[in-house]
Amino acid sequence: MIFVEMETVKLSQIVMKWFPDLMPSLKNNELNSLIVLRDGLGILEQDDAMEIIQYSICEHQSSTPLQ
């Protein structure tokens, strides 16, 4: 039996760990997004972190109504 420890973190935690320079360019609602990591923040790799950040930004943009 394989035990997978899931961890819920805010996107801001991922950004601070890997790409702190991006903090000012992200909106509060993006930074406060909850992200579920299958194996936890401790083993998250940089490429995966960037993919999560990009996906989160896209998700927030797609929910913004066009004006």
N, C-alpha and C. Protein backbone atom coordinates (compact mmCIF):
# COMPACT_ATOMS: atom_id res chain seq x y z
N MET A 1 0.84 -1.18 0.00
CA MET A 1 0.00 0.00 0.00
C MET A 1 0.89 1.24 0.00
N ILE A 2 0.58 2.18 -0.89
CA ILE A 2 1.35 3.42 -0.98
C ILE A 2 0.57 4.51 -0.28
N PHE A 3 1.25 5.20 0.64
CA PHE A 3 0.63 6.30 1.36
C PHE A 3 1.09 7.61 0.76
N VAL A 4 0.14 8.41 0.30
CA VAL A 4 0.45 9.70 -0.30
C VAL A 4 -0.03 10.77 0.67
N GLU A 5 0.88 11.63 1.07
CA GLU A 5 0.50 12.71 1.98
C GLU A 5 0.22 13.97 1.18
N MET A 6 -1.04 14.36 1.20
CA MET A 6 -1.44 15.56 0.48
C MET A 6 -1.30 16.76 1.42
N GLU A 7 -0.97 17.89 0.83
CA GLU A 7 -0.80 19.11 1.61
C GLU A 7 -1.49 20.25 0.86
N THR A 8 -2.26 21.04 1.58
CA THR A 8 -2.91 22.21 1.00
C THR A 8 -2.12 23.44 1.39
N VAL A 9 -1.72 24.22 0.39
CA VAL A 9 -0.95 25.44 0.62
C VAL A 9 -1.57 26.56 -0.19
N LYS A 10 -1.23 27.78 0.17
CA LYS A 10 -1.62 28.92 -0.64
C LYS A 10 -0.60 29.08 -1.76
N LEU A 11 -1.05 29.61 -2.88
CA LEU A 11 -0.15 29.85 -4.00
C LEU A 11 1.01 30.75 -3.55
N SER A 12 0.76 31.66 -2.63
CA SER A 12 1.81 32.56 -2.15
C SER A 12 2.98 31.79 -1.54
N GLN A 13 2.72 30.66 -0.91
CA GLN A 13 3.80 29.85 -0.34
C GLN A 13 4.69 29.27 -1.44
N ILE A 14 4.06 28.84 -2.52
CA ILE A 14 4.82 28.30 -3.65
C ILE A 14 5.65 29.40 -4.30
N VAL A 15 5.02 30.55 -4.50
CA VAL A 15 5.71 31.68 -5.12
C VAL A 15 6.90 32.11 -4.26
N MET A 16 6.69 32.22 -2.96
CA MET A 16 7.77 32.66 -2.06
C MET A 16 8.94 31.68 -2.05
N LYS A 17 8.65 30.41 -2.18
CA LYS A 17 9.71 29.41 -2.16
C LYS A 17 10.56 29.44 -3.43
N TRP A 18 9.90 29.57 -4.59
CA TRP A 18 10.62 29.42 -5.85
C TRP A 18 10.81 30.70 -6.63
N PHE A 19 9.83 31.59 -6.60
CA PHE A 19 9.87 32.79 -7.45
C PHE A 19 9.43 34.03 -6.69
N PRO A 20 10.11 34.42 -5.63
CA PRO A 20 9.67 35.57 -4.82
C PRO A 20 9.59 36.87 -5.62
N ASP A 21 10.33 36.97 -6.71
CA ASP A 21 10.27 38.18 -7.54
C ASP A 21 8.90 38.38 -8.18
N LEU A 22 8.10 37.31 -8.28
CA LEU A 22 6.78 37.41 -8.89
C LEU A 22 5.71 37.95 -7.93
N MET A 23 6.01 38.00 -6.65
CA MET A 23 5.00 38.41 -5.66
C MET A 23 4.30 39.72 -6.02
N PRO A 24 5.02 40.78 -6.37
CA PRO A 24 4.34 42.05 -6.66
C PRO A 24 3.45 42.01 -7.91
N SER A 25 3.71 41.09 -8.81
CA SER A 25 2.95 41.06 -10.07
C SER A 25 1.70 40.20 -9.99
N LEU A 26 1.49 39.50 -8.89
CA LEU A 26 0.31 38.64 -8.74
C LEU A 26 -0.74 39.34 -7.88
N LYS A 27 -1.99 39.08 -8.20
CA LYS A 27 -3.11 39.67 -7.45
C LYS A 27 -3.32 38.89 -6.16
N ASN A 28 -3.94 39.56 -5.19
CA ASN A 28 -4.21 38.92 -3.90
C ASN A 28 -5.05 37.66 -4.05
N ASN A 29 -6.06 37.72 -4.93
CA ASN A 29 -6.90 36.52 -5.07
C ASN A 29 -6.13 35.36 -5.68
N GLU A 30 -5.13 35.66 -6.50
CA GLU A 30 -4.27 34.60 -7.04
C GLU A 30 -3.37 34.04 -5.93
N LEU A 31 -2.76 34.93 -5.18
CA LEU A 31 -1.86 34.51 -4.11
C LEU A 31 -2.56 33.72 -3.02
N ASN A 32 -3.85 34.01 -2.80
CA ASN A 32 -4.60 33.32 -1.76
C ASN A 32 -5.26 32.03 -2.24
N SER A 33 -5.06 31.68 -3.50
CA SER A 33 -5.62 30.44 -4.04
C SER A 33 -5.07 29.24 -3.27
N LEU A 34 -5.95 28.31 -2.96
CA LEU A 34 -5.53 27.09 -2.29
C LEU A 34 -5.13 26.06 -3.32
N ILE A 35 -3.97 25.48 -3.12
CA ILE A 35 -3.40 24.49 -4.02
C ILE A 35 -3.19 23.20 -3.22
N VAL A 36 -3.68 22.10 -3.75
CA VAL A 36 -3.47 20.80 -3.10
C VAL A 36 -2.29 20.12 -3.80
N LEU A 37 -1.27 19.84 -3.03
CA LEU A 37 -0.07 19.18 -3.56
C LEU A 37 -0.10 17.72 -3.12
N ARG A 38 0.01 16.84 -4.07
CA ARG A 38 -0.08 15.41 -3.79
C ARG A 38 0.99 14.95 -2.82
N ASP A 39 2.22 15.41 -3.00
CA ASP A 39 3.32 14.95 -2.14
C ASP A 39 3.87 16.04 -1.24
N GLY A 40 3.20 17.15 -1.14
CA GLY A 40 3.60 18.22 -0.24
C GLY A 40 4.57 19.21 -0.85
N LEU A 41 4.71 20.33 -0.17
CA LEU A 41 5.56 21.43 -0.63
C LEU A 41 7.03 21.08 -0.57
N GLY A 42 7.40 20.20 0.34
CA GLY A 42 8.81 19.86 0.54
C GLY A 42 9.51 19.28 -0.68
N ILE A 43 8.77 18.55 -1.52
CA ILE A 43 9.43 17.94 -2.67
C ILE A 43 9.00 18.55 -4.00
N LEU A 44 8.25 19.66 -3.93
CA LEU A 44 7.84 20.35 -5.15
C LEU A 44 9.07 20.88 -5.88
N GLU A 45 9.16 20.62 -7.16
CA GLU A 45 10.30 21.08 -7.95
C GLU A 45 9.98 22.39 -8.65
N GLN A 46 11.01 23.10 -9.04
CA GLN A 46 10.87 24.44 -9.61
C GLN A 46 10.00 24.44 -10.87
N ASP A 47 10.21 23.50 -11.77
CA ASP A 47 9.41 23.44 -13.00
C ASP A 47 7.93 23.21 -12.69
N ASP A 48 7.67 22.34 -11.73
CA ASP A 48 6.28 22.06 -11.34
C ASP A 48 5.66 23.30 -10.68
N ALA A 49 6.45 24.00 -9.89
CA ALA A 49 5.97 25.21 -9.23
C ALA A 49 5.56 26.25 -10.28
N MET A 50 6.36 26.43 -11.31
CA MET A 50 6.04 27.40 -12.36
C MET A 50 4.77 26.99 -13.10
N GLU A 51 4.61 25.71 -13.34
CA GLU A 51 3.40 25.23 -14.01
C GLU A 51 2.16 25.52 -13.17
N ILE A 52 2.25 25.32 -11.87
CA ILE A 52 1.13 25.58 -10.96
C ILE A 52 0.80 27.08 -10.96
N ILE A 53 1.82 27.91 -10.92
CA ILE A 53 1.62 29.37 -10.92
C ILE A 53 0.95 29.80 -12.23
N GLN A 54 1.44 29.32 -13.34
CA GLN A 54 0.86 29.67 -14.64
C GLN A 54 -0.60 29.22 -14.74
N TYR A 55 -0.87 28.03 -14.30
CA TYR A 55 -2.23 27.50 -14.35
C TYR A 55 -3.17 28.33 -13.48
N SER A 56 -2.69 28.70 -12.29
CA SER A 56 -3.51 29.50 -11.38
C SER A 56 -3.84 30.86 -11.98
N ILE A 57 -2.86 31.49 -12.61
CA ILE A 57 -3.09 32.79 -13.25
C ILE A 57 -4.13 32.63 -14.36
N CYS A 58 -4.00 31.61 -15.16
CA CYS A 58 -4.97 31.37 -16.25
C CYS A 58 -6.36 31.13 -15.70
N GLU A 59 -6.47 30.39 -14.63
CA GLU A 59 -7.77 30.12 -14.02
C GLU A 59 -8.44 31.40 -13.56
N HIS A 60 -7.67 32.29 -12.94
CA HIS A 60 -8.24 33.55 -12.46
C HIS A 60 -8.59 34.48 -13.61
N GLN A 61 -7.83 34.45 -14.68
CA GLN A 61 -8.14 35.29 -15.83
C GLN A 61 -9.39 34.79 -16.54
N SER A 62 -9.56 33.49 -16.60
CA SER A 62 -10.72 32.96 -17.32
C SER A 62 -12.03 33.21 -16.56
N SER A 63 -11.95 33.44 -15.25
CA SER A 63 -13.16 33.71 -14.48
C SER A 63 -13.48 35.19 -14.40
N THR A 64 -12.64 36.04 -14.98
CA THR A 64 -12.87 37.47 -14.98
C THR A 64 -13.76 37.82 -16.18
N PRO A 65 -14.88 38.48 -15.92
CA PRO A 65 -15.75 38.83 -17.05
C PRO A 65 -15.13 39.86 -17.97
N LEU A 66 -15.39 39.75 -19.24
CA LEU A 66 -14.89 40.71 -20.22
C LEU A 66 -15.72 41.98 -20.12
N GLN A 67 -15.07 43.11 -20.27
CA GLN A 67 -15.79 44.38 -20.19
C GLN A 67 -15.79 45.10 -21.50
